[in-house]
PDB file of N, CA and C in Angstrom:
ATOM      1  N   MET A   1      48.380   0.510  53.676  1.00  0.00           N
ATOM      2  CA  MET A   1      48.172   0.212  54.647  1.00  0.00           C
ATOM      3  C   MET A   1      46.807  -0.450  53.835  1.00  0.00           C
ATOM      4  N   GLN A   2      46.055  -1.415  54.504  1.00  0.00           N
ATOM      5  CA  GLN A   2      44.817  -1.525  53.509  1.00  0.00           C
ATOM      6  C   GLN A   2      43.415  -0.939  54.631  1.00  0.00           C
ATOM      7  N   ARG A   3      42.542  -0.916  53.830  1.00  0.00           N
ATOM      8  CA  ARG A   3      41.234  -0.434  54.103  1.00  0.00           C
ATOM      9  C   ARG A   3      40.354  -1.126  55.574  1.00  0.00           C
ATOM     10  N   LEU A   4      40.505  -0.068  56.482  1.00  0.00           N
ATOM     11  CA  LEU A   4      39.678  -0.740  57.612  1.00  0.00           C
ATOM     12  C   LEU A   4      38.513  -1.567  57.615  1.00  0.00           C
ATOM     13  N   LYS A   5      38.153  -3.142  58.075  1.00  0.00           N
ATOM     14  CA  LYS A   5      37.080  -3.452  57.689  1.00  0.00           C
ATOM     15  C   LYS A   5      36.204  -3.288  59.402  1.00  0.00           C
ATOM     16  N   ILE A   6      35.443  -2.779  59.454  1.00  0.00           N
ATOM     17  CA  ILE A   6      34.716  -2.009  60.360  1.00  0.00           C
ATOM     18  C   ILE A   6      34.553  -3.562  61.572  1.00  0.00           C
ATOM     19  N   ASP A   7      33.748  -4.556  60.622  1.00  0.00           N
ATOM     20  CA  ASP A   7      33.247  -5.690  61.009  1.00  0.00           C
ATOM     21  C   ASP A   7      34.480  -6.340  61.671  1.00  0.00           C
ATOM     22  N   GLN A   8      36.009  -6.534  61.466  1.00  0.00           N
ATOM     23  CA  GLN A   8      36.707  -7.001  62.014  1.00  0.00           C
ATOM     24  C   GLN A   8      37.879  -6.650  62.769  1.00  0.00           C
ATOM     25  N   ASP A   9      37.747  -5.154  62.747  1.00  0.00           N
ATOM     26  CA  ASP A   9      39.064  -4.616  63.270  1.00  0.00           C
ATOM     27  C   ASP A   9      38.872  -3.477  64.433  1.00  0.00           C
ATOM     28  N   ILE A  10      37.880  -3.744  64.831  1.00  0.00           N
ATOM     29  CA  ILE A  10      37.377  -2.673  65.922  1.00  0.00           C
ATOM     30  C   ILE A  10      36.995  -3.838  66.998  1.00  0.00           C
ATOM     31  N   LYS A  11      38.180  -3.294  68.352  1.00  0.00           N
ATOM     32  CA  LYS A  11      38.058  -4.673  68.997  1.00  0.00           C
ATOM     33  C   LYS A  11      37.604  -3.948  70.377  1.00  0.00           C
ATOM     34  N   PRO A  12      37.251  -4.060  72.020  1.00  0.00           N
ATOM     35  CA  PRO A  12      36.995  -3.759  72.949  1.00  0.00           C
ATOM     36  C   PRO A  12      38.464  -3.884  73.221  1.00  0.00           C
ATOM     37  N   LEU A  13      38.913  -3.016  74.270  1.00  0.00           N
ATOM     38  CA  LEU A  13      40.358  -3.243  74.756  1.00  0.00           C
ATOM     39  C   LEU A  13      39.883  -5.009  75.650  1.00  0.00           C
ATOM     40  N   SER A  14      38.808  -5.312  76.487  1.00  0.00           N
ATOM     41  CA  SER A  14      38.958  -6.327  76.877  1.00  0.00           C
ATOM     42  C   SER A  14      39.327  -7.755  76.501  1.00  0.00           C
ATOM     43  N   GLU A  15      38.675  -7.579  75.234  1.00  0.00           N
ATOM     44  CA  GLU A  15      39.268  -8.339  74.296  1.00  0.00           C
ATOM     45  C   GLU A  15      40.433  -8.807  73.773  1.00  0.00           C
ATOM     46  N   VAL A  16      41.075  -7.650  73.320  1.00  0.00           N
ATOM     47  CA  VAL A  16      42.637  -7.377  73.073  1.00  0.00           C
ATOM     48  C   VAL A  16      43.762  -7.631  74.200  1.00  0.00           C
ATOM     49  N   ARG A  17      42.924  -7.028  75.712  1.00  0.00           N
ATOM     50  CA  ARG A  17      44.148  -7.988  76.682  1.00  0.00           C
ATOM     51  C   ARG A  17      44.119  -9.240  76.531  1.00  0.00           C
ATOM     52  N   THR A  18      42.720  -9.994  76.643  1.00  0.00           N
ATOM     53  CA  THR A  18      43.073 -11.333  76.483  1.00  0.00           C
ATOM     54  C   THR A  18      43.512 -12.094  75.330  1.00  0.00           C
ATOM     55  N   GLY A  19      43.724 -11.170  74.165  1.00  0.00           N
ATOM     56  CA  GLY A  19      44.129 -12.193  73.097  1.00  0.00           C
ATOM     57  C   GLY A  19      45.092 -11.438  72.434  1.00  0.00           C
ATOM     58  N   ILE A  20      46.479 -10.645  73.083  1.00  0.00           N
ATOM     59  CA  ILE A  20      47.569  -9.615  72.039  1.00  0.00           C
ATOM     60  C   ILE A  20      47.682 -10.649  71.080  1.00  0.00           C
ATOM     61  N   ALA A  21      48.332 -11.749  70.874  1.00  0.00           N
ATOM     62  CA  ALA A  21      49.108 -12.185  70.589  1.00  0.00           C
ATOM     63  C   ALA A  21      48.458 -12.492  69.005  1.00  0.00           C
ATOM     64  N   ALA A  22      47.144 -12.734  69.240  1.00  0.00           N
ATOM     65  CA  ALA A  22      45.994 -13.142  67.940  1.00  0.00           C
ATOM     66  C   ALA A  22      46.075 -11.468  67.337  1.00  0.00           C
ATOM     67  N   PHE A  23      45.833 -10.655  67.795  1.00  0.00           N
ATOM     68  CA  PHE A  23      45.313  -9.634  67.366  1.00  0.00           C
ATOM     69  C   PHE A  23      47.068  -8.729  66.876  1.00  0.00           C
ATOM     70  N   ILE A  24      47.953  -9.096  67.203  1.00  0.00           N
ATOM     71  CA  ILE A  24      49.295  -8.903  66.628  1.00  0.00           C
ATOM     72  C   ILE A  24      49.426  -9.468  65.323  1.00  0.00           C
ATOM     73  N   LYS A  25      49.014 -10.489  65.553  1.00  0.00           N
ATOM     74  CA  LYS A  25      49.062 -11.598  63.876  1.00  0.00           C
ATOM     75  C   LYS A  25      48.264 -11.139  62.706  1.00  0.00           C
ATOM     76  N   GLN A  26      47.314 -10.628  63.136  1.00  0.00           N
ATOM     77  CA  GLN A  26      46.108 -10.219  62.273  1.00  0.00           C
ATOM     78  C   GLN A  26      46.664  -8.718  61.730  1.00  0.00           C
ATOM     79  N   VAL A  27      46.937  -8.308  62.590  1.00  0.00           N
ATOM     80  CA  VAL A  27      47.593  -6.969  61.942  1.00  0.00           C
ATOM     81  C   VAL A  27      48.614  -6.800  61.177  1.00  0.00           C
ATOM     82  N   HIS A  28      49.684  -8.082  61.356  1.00  0.00           N
ATOM     83  CA  HIS A  28      50.956  -8.311  60.369  1.00  0.00           C
ATOM     84  C   HIS A  28      50.098  -8.722  59.166  1.00  0.00           C
ATOM     85  N   ASP A  29      49.385  -9.963  59.297  1.00  0.00           N
ATOM     86  CA  ASP A  29      49.019 -10.639  58.285  1.00  0.00           C
ATOM     87  C   ASP A  29      48.260  -9.955  57.338  1.00  0.00           C
ATOM     88  N   THR A  30      47.310  -8.859  57.540  1.00  0.00           N
ATOM     89  CA  THR A  30      46.069  -8.152  57.118  1.00  0.00           C
ATOM     90  C   THR A  30      46.647  -6.937  56.622  1.00  0.00           C
ATOM     91  N   LYS A  31      48.086  -6.195  57.336  1.00  0.00           N
ATOM     92  CA  LYS A  31      48.186  -4.867  57.000  1.00  0.00           C
ATOM     93  C   LYS A  31      47.389  -3.529  57.342  1.00  0.00           C
ATOM     94  N   ARG A  32      45.910  -4.422  58.064  1.00  0.00           N
ATOM     95  CA  ARG A  32      45.399  -3.353  58.858  1.00  0.00           C
ATOM     96  C   ARG A  32      45.311  -3.429  60.184  1.00  0.00           C
ATOM     97  N   PRO A  33      44.904  -1.441  60.704  1.00  0.00           N
ATOM     98  CA  PRO A  33      45.299  -1.805  61.786  1.00  0.00           C
ATOM     99  C   PRO A  33      44.029  -2.475  62.730  1.00  0.00           C
ATOM    100  N   VAL A  34      44.132  -2.125  63.923  1.00  0.00           N
ATOM    101  CA  VAL A  34      42.949  -2.465  64.924  1.00  0.00           C
ATOM    102  C   VAL A  34      42.730  -1.190  65.592  1.00  0.00           C
ATOM    103  N   ILE A  35      41.182  -0.977  65.409  1.00  0.00           N
ATOM    104  CA  ILE A  35      41.317  -0.175  66.297  1.00  0.00           C
ATOM    105  C   ILE A  35      40.250  -0.568  67.742  1.00  0.00           C
ATOM    106  N   ILE A  36      41.333   0.185  68.942  1.00  0.00           N
ATOM    107  CA  ILE A  36      41.266  -0.830  70.348  1.00  0.00           C
ATOM    108  C   ILE A  36      39.760   0.365  71.031  1.00  0.00           C
ATOM    109  N   THR A  37      38.854  -0.300  71.425  1.00  0.00           N
ATOM    110  CA  THR A  37      37.722   1.036  72.008  1.00  0.00           C
ATOM    111  C   THR A  37      37.621   0.430  73.564  1.00  0.00           C
ATOM    112  N   GLN A  38      37.079   1.593  74.339  1.00  0.00           N
ATOM    113  CA  GLN A  38      37.196   1.633  75.472  1.00  0.00           C
ATOM    114  C   GLN A  38      36.217   2.135  76.203  1.00  0.00           C
ATOM    115  N   HIS A  39      34.949   1.492  76.476  1.00  0.00           N
ATOM    116  CA  HIS A  39      33.188   2.262  76.677  1.00  0.00           C
ATOM    117  C   HIS A  39      32.875   2.384  75.720  1.00  0.00           C
ATOM    118  N   GLY A  40      33.028   1.262  74.696  1.00  0.00           N
ATOM    119  CA  GLY A  40      32.563   1.909  73.194  1.00  0.00           C
ATOM    120  C   GLY A  40      33.063   2.975  72.589  1.00  0.00           C
ATOM    121  N   LYS A  41      34.165   4.109  72.830  1.00  0.00           N
ATOM    122  CA  LYS A  41      34.986   4.620  71.894  1.00  0.00           C
ATOM    123  C   LYS A  41      36.430   4.525  71.582  1.00  0.00           C
ATOM    124  N   GLY A  42      36.621   4.432  70.359  1.00  0.00           N
ATOM    125  CA  GLY A  42      38.127   4.146  70.384  1.00  0.00           C
ATOM    126  C   GLY A  42      39.380   5.092  70.959  1.00  0.00           C
ATOM    127  N   VAL A  43      39.882   4.253  71.447  1.00  0.00           N
ATOM    128  CA  VAL A  43      41.465   4.981  72.352  1.00  0.00           C
ATOM    129  C   VAL A  43      42.606   4.283  72.014  1.00  0.00           C
ATOM    130  N   ALA A  44      42.304   3.510  70.614  1.00  0.00           N
ATOM    131  CA  ALA A  44      44.325   3.574  70.504  1.00  0.00           C
ATOM    132  C   ALA A  44      44.221   2.626  69.215  1.00  0.00           C
ATOM    133  N   VAL A  45      45.243   2.563  68.353  1.00  0.00           N
ATOM    134  CA  VAL A  45      45.547   2.088  67.596  1.00  0.00           C
ATOM    135  C   VAL A  45      46.632   0.985  67.445  1.00  0.00           C
ATOM    136  N   LEU A  46      46.414  -0.125  66.899  1.00  0.00           N
ATOM    137  CA  LEU A  46      47.282  -1.434  67.003  1.00  0.00           C
ATOM    138  C   LEU A  46      47.933  -1.808  65.875  1.00  0.00           C
ATOM    139  N   LEU A  47      49.017  -1.177  65.383  1.00  0.00           N
ATOM    140  CA  LEU A  47      49.553  -0.898  63.864  1.00  0.00           C
ATOM    141  C   LEU A  47      51.015  -1.760  63.516  1.00  0.00           C
ATOM    142  N   ASP A  48      50.771  -2.338  62.049  1.00  0.00           N
ATOM    143  CA  ASP A  48      51.941  -3.162  61.805  1.00  0.00           C
ATOM    144  C   ASP A  48      53.224  -2.180  62.137  1.00  0.00           C
ATOM    145  N   ALA A  49      54.493  -2.548  62.170  1.00  0.00           N
ATOM    146  CA  ALA A  49      55.466  -1.272  62.588  1.00  0.00           C
ATOM    147  C   ALA A  49      56.149  -1.224  60.721  1.00  0.00           C
ATOM    148  N   ARG A  50      56.047  -2.091  59.916  1.00  0.00           N
ATOM    149  CA  ARG A  50      56.542  -1.407  58.622  1.00  0.00           C
ATOM    150  C   ARG A  50      55.144  -0.654  58.358  1.00  0.00           C
ATOM    151  N   GLU A  51      53.974  -0.667  58.492  1.00  0.00           N
ATOM    152  CA  GLU A  51      53.027  -0.038  57.779  1.00  0.00           C
ATOM    153  C   GLU A  51      53.124   1.727  58.320  1.00  0.00           C
ATOM    154  N   TYR A  52      53.319   1.281  60.019  1.00  0.00           N
ATOM    155  CA  TYR A  52      53.812   2.792  60.471  1.00  0.00           C
ATOM    156  C   TYR A  52      54.998   3.651  60.048  1.00  0.00           C
ATOM    157  N   GLU A  53      55.808   2.947  59.767  1.00  0.00           N
ATOM    158  CA  GLU A  53      56.975   3.361  58.933  1.00  0.00           C
ATOM    159  C   GLU A  53      56.673   4.150  57.396  1.00  0.00           C
ATOM    160  N   ALA A  54      56.121   3.401  57.135  1.00  0.00           N
ATOM    161  CA  ALA A  54      55.729   3.813  55.268  1.00  0.00           C
ATOM    162  C   ALA A  54      54.644   5.221  55.491  1.00  0.00           C
ATOM    163  N   MET A  55      53.689   5.283  56.792  1.00  0.00           N
ATOM    164  CA  MET A  55      53.111   6.104  56.815  1.00  0.00           C
ATOM    165  C   MET A  55      53.547   7.287  57.253  1.00  0.00           C
ATOM    166  N   GLN A  56      54.936   7.420  58.604  1.00  0.00           N
ATOM    167  CA  GLN A  56      55.450   8.297  58.834  1.00  0.00           C
ATOM    168  C   GLN A  56      56.216   9.088  57.619  1.00  0.00           C
ATOM    169  N   GLU A  57      56.971   8.018  56.658  1.00  0.00           N
ATOM    170  CA  GLU A  57      57.516   8.797  55.192  1.00  0.00           C
ATOM    171  C   GLU A  57      56.078   9.195  54.708  1.00  0.00           C
ATOM    172  N   LYS A  58      55.056   8.740  54.487  1.00  0.00           N
ATOM    173  CA  LYS A  58      54.115   9.939  53.282  1.00  0.00           C
ATOM    174  C   LYS A  58      53.887  11.336  54.132  1.00  0.00           C
ATOM    175  N   LEU A  59      53.382  10.917  55.585  1.00  0.00           N
ATOM    176  CA  LEU A  59      53.404  12.222  56.238  1.00  0.00           C
ATOM    177  C   LEU A  59      54.512  13.135  56.161  1.00  0.00           C
ATOM    178  N   GLU A  60      55.603  12.770  56.240  1.00  0.00           N
ATOM    179  CA  GLU A  60      56.910  13.688  56.017  1.00  0.00           C
ATOM    180  C   GLU A  60      56.950  14.452  54.379  1.00  0.00           C
ATOM    181  N   LEU A  61      56.493  13.293  53.730  1.00  0.00           N
ATOM    182  CA  LEU A  61      56.555  14.016  52.297  1.00  0.00           C
ATOM    183  C   LEU A  61      55.740  14.585  52.020  1.00  0.00           C
ATOM    184  N   LEU A  62      54.807  14.261  52.549  1.00  0.00           N
ATOM    185  CA  LEU A  62      53.166  15.605  52.309  1.00  0.00           C
ATOM    186  C   LEU A  62      53.549  16.546  53.531  1.00  0.00           C
ATOM    187  N   THR A  63      53.922  16.629  54.263  1.00  0.00           N
ATOM    188  CA  THR A  63      54.386  18.113  54.860  1.00  0.00           C
ATOM    189  C   THR A  63      55.636  19.228  53.887  1.00  0.00           C
ATOM    190  N   ASP A  64      56.361  18.402  53.329  1.00  0.00           N
ATOM    191  CA  ASP A  64      57.735  19.259  52.205  1.00  0.00           C
ATOM    192  C   ASP A  64      56.555  19.584  51.652  1.00  0.00           C
ATOM    193  N   VAL A  65      55.761  18.839  50.873  1.00  0.00           N
ATOM    194  CA  VAL A  65      55.207  19.050  49.988  1.00  0.00           C
ATOM    195  C   VAL A  65      54.268  20.507  50.630  1.00  0.00           C
ATOM    196  N   GLN A  66      53.879  20.727  51.313  1.00  0.00           N
ATOM    197  CA  GLN A  66      52.622  21.732  51.729  1.00  0.00           C
ATOM    198  C   GLN A  66      54.053  23.072  52.465  1.00  0.00           C
ATOM    199  N   VAL A  67      55.286  22.742  52.267  1.00  0.00           N
ATOM    200  CA  VAL A  67      55.701  23.765  52.894  1.00  0.00           C
ATOM    201  C   VAL A  67      56.254  24.411  52.100  1.00  0.00           C
ATOM    202  N   SER A  68      56.508  23.583  50.599  1.00  0.00           N
ATOM    203  CA  SER A  68      57.142  24.063  49.105  1.00  0.00           C
ATOM    204  C   SER A  68      55.608  24.443  48.463  1.00  0.00           C
ATOM    205  N   ILE A  69      54.911  24.457  48.631  1.00  0.00           N
ATOM    206  CA  ILE A  69      53.392  25.251  48.015  1.00  0.00           C
ATOM    207  C   ILE A  69      53.286  26.485  49.113  1.00  0.00           C
ATOM    208  N   ASN A  70      53.516  26.932  50.477  1.00  0.00           N
ATOM    209  CA  ASN A  70      53.321  27.777  51.373  1.00  0.00           C
ATOM    210  C   ASN A  70      54.724  29.040  50.524  1.00  0.00           C
ATOM    211  N   GLN A  71      55.790  28.601  50.451  1.00  0.00           N
ATOM    212  CA  GLN A  71      56.904  28.875  49.997  1.00  0.00           C
ATOM    213  C   GLN A  71      56.643  29.786  48.799  1.00  0.00           C
ATOM    214  N   ILE A  72      55.962  28.585  47.766  1.00  0.00           N
ATOM    215  CA  ILE A  72      55.834  29.317  46.247  1.00  0.00           C
ATOM    216  C   ILE A  72      54.859  30.672  46.445  1.00  0.00           C
ATOM    217  N   GLU A  73      53.633  30.286  47.062  1.00  0.00           N
ATOM    218  CA  GLU A  73      52.905  31.296  47.469  1.00  0.00           C
ATOM    219  C   GLU A  73      53.182  32.546  47.983  1.00  0.00           C
ATOM    220  N   ASN A  74      54.112  32.473  48.998  1.00  0.00           N
ATOM    221  CA  ASN A  74      54.913  33.651  49.501  1.00  0.00           C
ATOM    222  C   ASN A  74      56.152  33.977  48.765  1.00  0.00           C
ATOM    223  N   GLY A  75      56.052  33.760  47.195  1.00  0.00           N
ATOM    224  CA  GLY A  75      57.105  34.271  46.578  1.00  0.00           C
ATOM    225  C   GLY A  75      58.439  34.231  46.612  1.00  0.00           C
ATOM    226  N   LYS A  76      58.515  32.804  47.556  1.00  0.00           N
ATOM    227  CA  LYS A  76      59.993  32.570  47.953  1.00  0.00           C
ATOM    228  C   LYS A  76      60.532  31.125  47.040  1.00  0.00           C
ATOM    229  N   GLY A  77      59.743  31.159  45.741  1.00  0.00           N
ATOM    230  CA  GLY A  77      60.195  29.996  45.036  1.00  0.00           C
ATOM    231  C   GLY A  77      60.939  30.360  44.026  1.00  0.00           C
ATOM    232  N   VAL A  78      62.063  29.017  43.611  1.00  0.00           N
ATOM    233  CA  VAL A  78      62.749  29.653  42.386  1.00  0.00           C
ATOM    234  C   VAL A  78      62.530  29.023  41.008  1.00  0.00           C
ATOM    235  N   ASP A  79      62.081  29.784  40.211  1.00  0.00           N
ATOM    236  CA  ASP A  79      61.675  29.236  39.030  1.00  0.00           C
ATOM    237  C   ASP A  79      62.333  27.750  38.369  1.00  0.00           C
ATOM    238  N   HIS A  80      62.065  26.817  37.413  1.00  0.00           N
ATOM    239  CA  HIS A  80      62.946  26.194  36.679  1.00  0.00           C
ATOM    240  C   HIS A  80      63.991  25.896  36.145  1.00  0.00           C
ATOM    241  N   MET A  81      64.170  27.143  35.136  1.00  0.00           N
ATOM    242  CA  MET A  81      65.435  27.386  35.152  1.00  0.00           C
ATOM    243  C   MET A  81      66.814  27.978  36.030  1.00  0.00           C
ATOM    244  N   LYS A  82      66.433  28.659  36.976  1.00  0.00           N
ATOM    245  CA  LYS A  82      67.040  28.805  37.845  1.00  0.00           C
ATOM    246  C   LYS A  82      67.847  27.914  38.647  1.00  0.00           C
ATOM    247  N   ALA A  83      66.897  27.175  39.079  1.00  0.00           N
ATOM    248  CA  ALA A  83      66.934  25.826  40.005  1.00  0.00           C
ATOM    249  C   ALA A  83      68.011  24.876  39.534  1.00  0.00           C
ATOM    250  N   LYS A  84      67.852  24.490  37.868  1.00  0.00           N
ATOM    251  CA  LYS A  84      68.653  24.099  36.903  1.00  0.00           C
ATOM    252  C   LYS A  84      69.925  24.696  36.811  1.00  0.00           C
ATOM    253  N   GLU A  85      69.990  25.994  36.613  1.00  0.00           N
ATOM    254  CA  GLU A  85      71.474  26.497  36.649  1.00  0.00           C
ATOM    255  C   GLU A  85      72.049  26.401  38.079  1.00  0.00           C
ATOM    256  N   LYS A  86      71.224  26.883  39.081  1.00  0.00           N
ATOM    257  CA  LYS A  86      71.937  26.123  40.661  1.00  0.00           C
ATOM    258  C   LYS A  86      72.417  24.847  40.707  1.00  0.00           C
ATOM    259  N   LEU A  87      71.672  24.074  40.685  1.00  0.00           N
ATOM    260  CA  LEU A  87      71.826  22.590  40.353  1.00  0.00           C
ATOM    261  C   LEU A  87      72.998  21.996  39.717  1.00  0.00           C
ATOM    262  N   LEU A  88      73.519  22.582  38.347  1.00  0.00           N
ATOM    263  CA  LEU A  88      74.268  21.886  37.218  1.00  0.00           C
ATOM    264  C   LEU A  88      75.500  23.188  37.660  1.00  0.00           C
ATOM    265  N   SER A  89      75.621  24.317  38.193  1.00  0.00           N
ATOM    266  CA  SER A  89      76.892  24.505  39.053  1.00  0.00           C
ATOM    267  C   SER A  89      77.319  23.620  39.934  1.00  0.00           C
ATOM    268  N   ARG A  90      76.465  23.361  40.790  1.00  0.00           N
ATOM    269  CA  ARG A  90      77.154  22.609  41.984  1.00  0.00           C
ATOM    270  C   ARG A  90      77.884  20.987  41.513  1.00  0.00           C
ATOM    271  N   ILE A  91      77.016  21.136  40.418  1.00  0.00           N
ATOM    272  CA  ILE A  91      77.753  19.660  40.141  1.00  0.00           C
ATOM    273  C   ILE A  91      78.834  19.645  39.567  1.00  0.00           C
ATOM    274  N   LYS A  92      79.320  20.670  39.085  1.00  0.00           N
ATOM    275  CA  LYS A  92      80.718  20.900  38.275  1.00  0.00           C
ATOM    276  C   LYS A  92      81.783  21.347  38.544  1.00  0.00           C
ATOM    277  N   LYS A  93      81.477  21.649  40.156  1.00  0.00           N
ATOM    278  CA  LYS A  93      82.124  21.866  41.067  1.00  0.00           C
ATOM    279  C   LYS A  93      83.275  20.793  41.513  1.00  0.00           C
TER     280      LYS A  93
END
């Protein structure tokens, strides 16, 4: 996802309502989200579907990494050699 451009990517709801097709095209073309405001406060984000999926995949990966770090810190990790032995024994079967 591209970095947000404040002067181009923050739009009031009234403007988005009247020109939604243009904002969908903008999001698709720029790969940047559009922040939708109501009464001067951010209330929603318009995001390209592929960018959303990529963001979800990254979040899942980061969650898995954090779970792994927590497991290692709690003594539930497996050292490299033991993991390698287990993996190789499964492959040989």
